[in-house]
Amino acid sequence: TGYRAVTANVLSRPLVAVGRQARIDKGRDEGVTVNSLVFVPRSRGETSNFGALIGKVDRVDAHSAEVTYITDPSSSIAATTLLSQSKLGLLKANASGDLVLTGVPADKAIAEQDIVVTLGAGTNNFPSPYPPGLAIGFVSSVGRAEAGGVQSVQVTPFGDPNALGTVVVFTPRSADAKRRAGVQ
């Protein structure tokens, strides 16, 4: 709640196929703002209102916007698993675009196929643009505990940004959604 869905077409991607950014054909005139959330479109027959989170808008023009995908190393999201309900770690992409849940304590029980969702963590001065509970992907592997008592957790996103011709942009409408996005 608090957002309006806008369907957008992917206009372009960088020539190097690493799936990190794209330009879409919707912008400020269609209500898109910086930190609008970008999702995989809902599949036919799905009951949810949107698919999985794949990124957020970083720049907006009148009729287009630049999306940075969660597979970009500059992107980071406080994340947890659907079953955990507490902070597990920070979801970041490595240089090759693979998602890794970092900083997960070794004593936290995580299993392959666990659903990874946004935590919505932030502060009053710096809120997270991501509300809690947005589906991102699933745990594809859990490594042994490393030095420092943390686990190595690989995450596979539910949506492949490189394969999308259409995305759904959720533009903030409510006061809370606008606060999260940092827009008036």
C-alpha atoms as a PDB file:
ATOM      1  CA  THR A   1       0.000   0.000   0.000  1.00  0.00           C
ATOM      2  CA  GLY A   2       1.064   3.578  -0.476  1.00  0.00           C
ATOM      3  CA  TYR A   3       2.391   3.006  -3.995  1.00  0.00           C
ATOM      4  CA  ARG A   4       1.003   3.178  -7.521  1.00  0.00           C
ATOM      5  CA  ALA A   5       2.079   0.632 -10.133  1.00  0.00           C
ATOM      6  CA  VAL A   6       3.357   1.937 -13.469  1.00  0.00           C
ATOM      7  CA  THR A   7       4.306  -0.533 -16.207  1.00  0.00           C
ATOM      8  CA  ALA A   8       7.417   0.496 -18.138  1.00  0.00           C
ATOM      9  CA  ASN A   9       9.373  -0.854 -21.077  1.00  0.00           C
ATOM     10  CA  VAL A  10      13.128  -1.262 -20.908  1.00  0.00           C
ATOM     11  CA  LEU A  11      14.594   1.113 -23.502  1.00  0.00           C
ATOM     12  CA  SER A  12      18.276   0.335 -23.185  1.00  0.00           C
ATOM     13  CA  ARG A  13      20.958  -1.411 -21.205  1.00  0.00           C
ATOM     14  CA  PRO A  14      24.731  -0.911 -21.127  1.00  0.00           C
ATOM     15  CA  LEU A  15      26.563  -2.676 -23.955  1.00  0.00           C
ATOM     16  CA  VAL A  16      28.322  -4.926 -21.457  1.00  0.00           C
ATOM     17  CA  ALA A  17      25.668  -7.464 -20.476  1.00  0.00           C
ATOM     18  CA  VAL A  18      26.138  -7.467 -16.722  1.00  0.00           C
ATOM     19  CA  GLY A  19      22.541  -6.596 -15.831  1.00  0.00           C
ATOM     20  CA  ARG A  20      23.274  -3.649 -13.598  1.00  0.00           C
ATOM     21  CA  GLN A  21      21.321  -0.688 -15.016  1.00  0.00           C
ATOM     22  CA  ALA A  22      18.664   0.036 -17.588  1.00  0.00           C
ATOM     23  CA  ARG A  23      16.744   3.004 -18.942  1.00  0.00           C
ATOM     24  CA  ILE A  24      12.951   2.714 -18.896  1.00  0.00           C
ATOM     25  CA  ASP A  25      10.317   4.650 -20.835  1.00  0.00           C
ATOM     26  CA  LYS A  26       8.507   6.177 -17.850  1.00  0.00           C
ATOM     27  CA  GLY A  27       9.640   9.199 -15.881  1.00  0.00           C
ATOM     28  CA  ARG A  28       8.646  12.184 -13.798  1.00  0.00           C
ATOM     29  CA  ASP A  29       5.579  12.976 -15.956  1.00  0.00           C
ATOM     30  CA  GLU A  30       4.221   9.506 -15.136  1.00  0.00           C
ATOM     31  CA  GLY A  31       4.900   9.894 -11.392  1.00  0.00           C
ATOM     32  CA  VAL A  32       8.234   8.066 -11.244  1.00  0.00           C
ATOM     33  CA  THR A  33      10.601   9.486  -8.619  1.00  0.00           C
ATOM     34  CA  VAL A  34      14.076   8.708  -7.375  1.00  0.00           C
ATOM     35  CA  ASN A  35      13.870   5.588  -5.176  1.00  0.00           C
ATOM     36  CA  SER A  36      10.714   4.291  -6.869  1.00  0.00           C
ATOM     37  CA  LEU A  37      10.887   0.508  -6.545  1.00  0.00           C
ATOM     38  CA  VAL A  38      11.229  -1.715  -9.618  1.00  0.00           C
ATOM     39  CA  PHE A  39       9.808  -5.228  -9.859  1.00  0.00           C
ATOM     40  CA  VAL A  40       9.557  -8.180 -12.182  1.00  0.00           C
ATOM     41  CA  PRO A  41       6.065  -8.052 -13.707  1.00  0.00           C
ATOM     42  CA  ARG A  42       3.502 -10.376 -12.194  1.00  0.00           C
ATOM     43  CA  SER A  43       3.110 -13.648 -14.068  1.00  0.00           C
ATOM     44  CA  ARG A  44      -0.251 -14.692 -15.393  1.00  0.00           C
ATOM     45  CA  GLY A  45      -2.181 -16.484 -12.655  1.00  0.00           C
ATOM     46  CA  GLU A  46      -0.176 -15.045  -9.742  1.00  0.00           C
ATOM     47  CA  THR A  47      -2.278 -13.680  -6.911  1.00  0.00           C
ATOM     48  CA  SER A  48       0.165 -11.067  -5.593  1.00  0.00           C
ATOM     49  CA  ASN A  49       0.061  -7.518  -6.947  1.00  0.00           C
ATOM     50  CA  PHE A  50       3.700  -7.567  -8.039  1.00  0.00           C
ATOM     51  CA  GLY A  51       6.586  -9.890  -8.699  1.00  0.00           C
ATOM     52  CA  ALA A  52      10.001  -9.764  -7.081  1.00  0.00           C
ATOM     53  CA  LEU A  53      12.103  -6.687  -6.343  1.00  0.00           C
ATOM     54  CA  ILE A  54      14.862  -6.181  -8.917  1.00  0.00           C
ATOM     55  CA  GLY A  55      15.990  -2.606  -8.261  1.00  0.00           C
ATOM     56  CA  LYS A  56      15.173   1.046  -7.751  1.00  0.00           C
ATOM     57  CA  VAL A  57      15.152   4.236  -9.770  1.00  0.00           C
ATOM     58  CA  ASP A  58      18.287   6.368  -9.354  1.00  0.00           C
ATOM     59  CA  ARG A  59      17.756   9.135 -11.940  1.00  0.00           C
ATOM     60  CA  VAL A  60      14.586  10.562 -13.445  1.00  0.00           C
ATOM     61  CA  ASP A  61      13.907  12.676 -16.523  1.00  0.00           C
ATOM     62  CA  ALA A  62      10.528  13.865 -17.782  1.00  0.00           C
ATOM     63  CA  HIS A  63       9.781  10.711 -19.803  1.00  0.00           C
ATOM     64  CA  SER A  64      12.432   8.185 -18.781  1.00  0.00           C
ATOM     65  CA  ALA A  65      14.347   6.951 -15.771  1.00  0.00           C
ATOM     66  CA  GLU A  66      17.505   5.023 -14.955  1.00  0.00           C
ATOM     67  CA  VAL A  67      17.086   1.892 -12.879  1.00  0.00           C
ATOM     68  CA  THR A  68      19.918   0.365 -10.878  1.00  0.00           C
ATOM     69  CA  TYR A  69      19.355  -3.334 -10.385  1.00  0.00           C
ATOM     70  CA  ILE A  70      20.048  -5.207  -7.163  1.00  0.00           C
ATOM     71  CA  THR A  71      22.790  -7.018  -9.113  1.00  0.00           C
ATOM     72  CA  ASP A  72      24.855  -3.796  -9.181  1.00  0.00           C
ATOM     73  CA  PRO A  73      27.724  -3.818  -6.637  1.00  0.00           C
ATOM     74  CA  SER A  74      26.748  -0.290  -5.530  1.00  0.00           C
ATOM     75  CA  SER A  75      23.362  -1.578  -4.369  1.00  0.00           C
ATOM     76  CA  SER A  76      22.871  -2.890  -0.829  1.00  0.00           C
ATOM     77  CA  ILE A  77      19.720  -3.973   0.984  1.00  0.00           C
ATOM     78  CA  ALA A  78      19.163  -4.989   4.609  1.00  0.00           C
ATOM     79  CA  ALA A  79      17.651  -8.438   4.219  1.00  0.00           C
ATOM     80  CA  THR A  80      16.311 -11.388   6.118  1.00  0.00           C
ATOM     81  CA  THR A  81      14.526 -14.615   5.330  1.00  0.00           C
ATOM     82  CA  LEU A  82      10.781 -14.947   5.370  1.00  0.00           C
ATOM     83  CA  LEU A  83      11.039 -17.291   8.362  1.00  0.00           C
ATOM     84  CA  SER A  84      13.625 -15.330  10.355  1.00  0.00           C
ATOM     85  CA  GLN A  85      11.867 -11.961  10.829  1.00  0.00           C
ATOM     86  CA  SER A  86      15.091 -10.488  12.243  1.00  0.00           C
ATOM     87  CA  LYS A  87      18.078  -8.846  10.587  1.00  0.00           C
ATOM     88  CA  LEU A  88      20.322 -11.394   8.987  1.00  0.00           C
ATOM     89  CA  GLY A  89      22.661  -9.340   6.877  1.00  0.00           C
ATOM     90  CA  LEU A  90      23.281  -7.001   4.008  1.00  0.00           C
ATOM     91  CA  LEU A  91      22.466  -8.202   0.499  1.00  0.00           C
ATOM     92  CA  LYS A  92      25.118  -7.031  -1.972  1.00  0.00           C
ATOM     93  CA  ALA A  93      26.253  -8.048  -5.414  1.00  0.00           C
ATOM     94  CA  ASN A  94      29.852  -9.008  -6.018  1.00  0.00           C
ATOM     95  CA  ALA A  95      31.790  -7.798  -9.074  1.00  0.00           C
ATOM     96  CA  SER A  96      30.207 -10.452 -11.299  1.00  0.00           C
ATOM     97  CA  GLY A  97      26.682  -9.519 -10.189  1.00  0.00           C
ATOM     98  CA  ASP A  98      26.056 -12.546  -7.976  1.00  0.00           C
ATOM     99  CA  LEU A  99      24.071 -11.740  -4.826  1.00  0.00           C
ATOM    100  CA  VAL A 100      25.639 -12.480  -1.450  1.00  0.00           C
ATOM    101  CA  LEU A 101      24.000 -12.033   1.944  1.00  0.00           C
ATOM    102  CA  THR A 102      26.937 -10.730   4.012  1.00  0.00           C
ATOM    103  CA  GLY A 103      27.421 -10.561   7.756  1.00  0.00           C
ATOM    104  CA  VAL A 104      25.058 -13.452   8.601  1.00  0.00           C
ATOM    105  CA  PRO A 105      25.943 -14.765  12.072  1.00  0.00           C
ATOM    106  CA  ALA A 106      27.044 -18.405  12.106  1.00  0.00           C
ATOM    107  CA  ASP A 107      24.424 -19.243  14.739  1.00  0.00           C
ATOM    108  CA  LYS A 108      21.515 -18.235  12.456  1.00  0.00           C
ATOM    109  CA  ALA A 109      19.826 -21.229  10.864  1.00  0.00           C
ATOM    110  CA  ILE A 110      19.591 -20.695   7.116  1.00  0.00           C
ATOM    111  CA  ALA A 111      18.731 -23.360   4.566  1.00  0.00           C
ATOM    112  CA  GLU A 112      18.813 -23.574   0.809  1.00  0.00           C
ATOM    113  CA  GLN A 113      15.537 -22.432  -0.777  1.00  0.00           C
ATOM    114  CA  ASP A 114      14.720 -20.047   2.128  1.00  0.00           C
ATOM    115  CA  ILE A 115      12.968 -16.971   0.705  1.00  0.00           C
ATOM    116  CA  VAL A 116      14.992 -13.744   1.070  1.00  0.00           C
ATOM    117  CA  VAL A 117      13.019 -10.532   1.666  1.00  0.00           C
ATOM    118  CA  THR A 118      13.752  -6.888   2.457  1.00  0.00           C
ATOM    119  CA  LEU A 119      14.054  -5.982   6.117  1.00  0.00           C
ATOM    120  CA  GLY A 120      13.048  -2.333   5.729  1.00  0.00           C
ATOM    121  CA  ALA A 121      15.758  -1.279   8.171  1.00  0.00           C
ATOM    122  CA  GLY A 122      16.863   2.305   8.358  1.00  0.00           C
ATOM    123  CA  THR A 123      16.813   5.238  10.727  1.00  0.00           C
ATOM    124  CA  ASN A 124      14.486   8.199  11.113  1.00  0.00           C
ATOM    125  CA  ASN A 125      17.019  10.420   9.344  1.00  0.00           C
ATOM    126  CA  PHE A 126      17.942   7.809   6.717  1.00  0.00           C
ATOM    127  CA  PRO A 127      14.979   5.499   6.085  1.00  0.00           C
ATOM    128  CA  SER A 128      15.336   2.524   3.789  1.00  0.00           C
ATOM    129  CA  PRO A 129      13.539   3.021   0.474  1.00  0.00           C
ATOM    130  CA  TYR A 130      12.549  -0.659   0.743  1.00  0.00           C
ATOM    131  CA  PRO A 131       9.553  -1.511   2.942  1.00  0.00           C
ATOM    132  CA  PRO A 132       9.865  -4.787   4.881  1.00  0.00           C
ATOM    133  CA  GLY A 133       8.801  -8.088   3.343  1.00  0.00           C
ATOM    134  CA  LEU A 134       9.451  -7.512  -0.369  1.00  0.00           C
ATOM    135  CA  ALA A 135      10.485 -10.776  -2.062  1.00  0.00           C
ATOM    136  CA  ILE A 136      13.970 -10.689  -3.589  1.00  0.00           C
ATOM    137  CA  GLY A 137      15.056 -14.272  -4.202  1.00  0.00           C
ATOM    138  CA  PHE A 138      15.987 -17.523  -2.519  1.00  0.00           C
ATOM    139  CA  VAL A 139      19.043 -18.931  -0.758  1.00  0.00           C
ATOM    140  CA  SER A 140      20.912 -20.972  -3.344  1.00  0.00           C
ATOM    141  CA  SER A 141      23.793 -22.057  -1.109  1.00  0.00           C
ATOM    142  CA  VAL A 142      25.030 -21.716   2.451  1.00  0.00           C
ATOM    143  CA  GLY A 143      28.744 -22.026   3.082  1.00  0.00           C
ATOM    144  CA  ARG A 144      30.613 -22.926   6.209  1.00  0.00           C
ATOM    145  CA  ALA A 145      31.111 -20.309   8.885  1.00  0.00           C
ATOM    146  CA  GLU A 146      34.063 -18.096   8.010  1.00  0.00           C
ATOM    147  CA  ALA A 147      36.539 -16.331  10.255  1.00  0.00           C
ATOM    148  CA  GLY A 148      34.664 -13.873  12.420  1.00  0.00           C
ATOM    149  CA  GLY A 149      31.704 -16.223  12.898  1.00  0.00           C
ATOM    150  CA  VAL A 150      29.707 -15.336   9.785  1.00  0.00           C
ATOM    151  CA  GLN A 151      28.220 -17.577   7.102  1.00  0.00           C
ATOM    152  CA  SER A 152      28.630 -17.271   3.370  1.00  0.00           C
ATOM    153  CA  VAL A 153      25.126 -17.134   1.847  1.00  0.00           C
ATOM    154  CA  GLN A 154      24.482 -17.005  -1.917  1.00  0.00           C
ATOM    155  CA  VAL A 155      21.110 -15.674  -3.108  1.00  0.00           C
ATOM    156  CA  THR A 156      19.482 -16.196  -6.500  1.00  0.00           C
ATOM    157  CA  PRO A 157      17.077 -13.390  -7.444  1.00  0.00           C
ATOM    158  CA  PHE A 158      13.555 -14.336  -8.525  1.00  0.00           C
ATOM    159  CA  GLY A 159      13.895 -12.128 -11.588  1.00  0.00           C
ATOM    160  CA  ASP A 160      16.731 -11.876 -14.099  1.00  0.00           C
ATOM    161  CA  PRO A 161      17.065  -8.178 -15.009  1.00  0.00           C
ATOM    162  CA  ASN A 162      18.825  -9.067 -18.274  1.00  0.00           C
ATOM    163  CA  ALA A 163      15.814 -11.035 -19.483  1.00  0.00           C
ATOM    164  CA  LEU A 164      13.197  -8.338 -18.924  1.00  0.00           C
ATOM    165  CA  GLY A 165      11.636  -6.170 -21.588  1.00  0.00           C
ATOM    166  CA  THR A 166       8.991  -4.846 -19.206  1.00  0.00           C
ATOM    167  CA  VAL A 167       9.152  -3.908 -15.519  1.00  0.00           C
ATOM    168  CA  VAL A 168       6.684  -2.603 -12.954  1.00  0.00           C
ATOM    169  CA  VAL A 169       7.669   0.585 -11.142  1.00  0.00           C
ATOM    170  CA  PHE A 170       6.006   1.291  -7.811  1.00  0.00           C
ATOM    171  CA  THR A 171       5.866   5.054  -7.357  1.00  0.00           C
ATOM    172  CA  PRO A 172       5.420   6.420  -3.826  1.00  0.00           C
ATOM    173  CA  ARG A 173       2.002   7.966  -3.092  1.00  0.00           C
ATOM    174  CA  SER A 174       1.411   7.820   0.668  1.00  0.00           C
ATOM    175  CA  ALA A 175       3.269  10.021   3.158  1.00  0.00           C
ATOM    176  CA  ASP A 176       5.176   6.978   4.485  1.00  0.00           C
ATOM    177  CA  ALA A 177       6.160   5.804   0.988  1.00  0.00           C
ATOM    178  CA  LYS A 178       7.333   9.315   0.066  1.00  0.00           C
ATOM    179  CA  ARG A 179       9.337   9.532   3.311  1.00  0.00           C
ATOM    180  CA  ARG A 180      11.024   6.206   2.505  1.00  0.00           C
ATOM    181  CA  ALA A 181      11.831   7.415  -1.004  1.00  0.00           C
ATOM    182  CA  GLY A 182      13.082  10.768   0.285  1.00  0.00           C
ATOM    183  CA  VAL A 183      10.683  12.780  -1.893  1.00  0.00           C
ATOM    184  CA  GLN A 184       8.092  15.418  -1.010  1.00  0.00           C
END
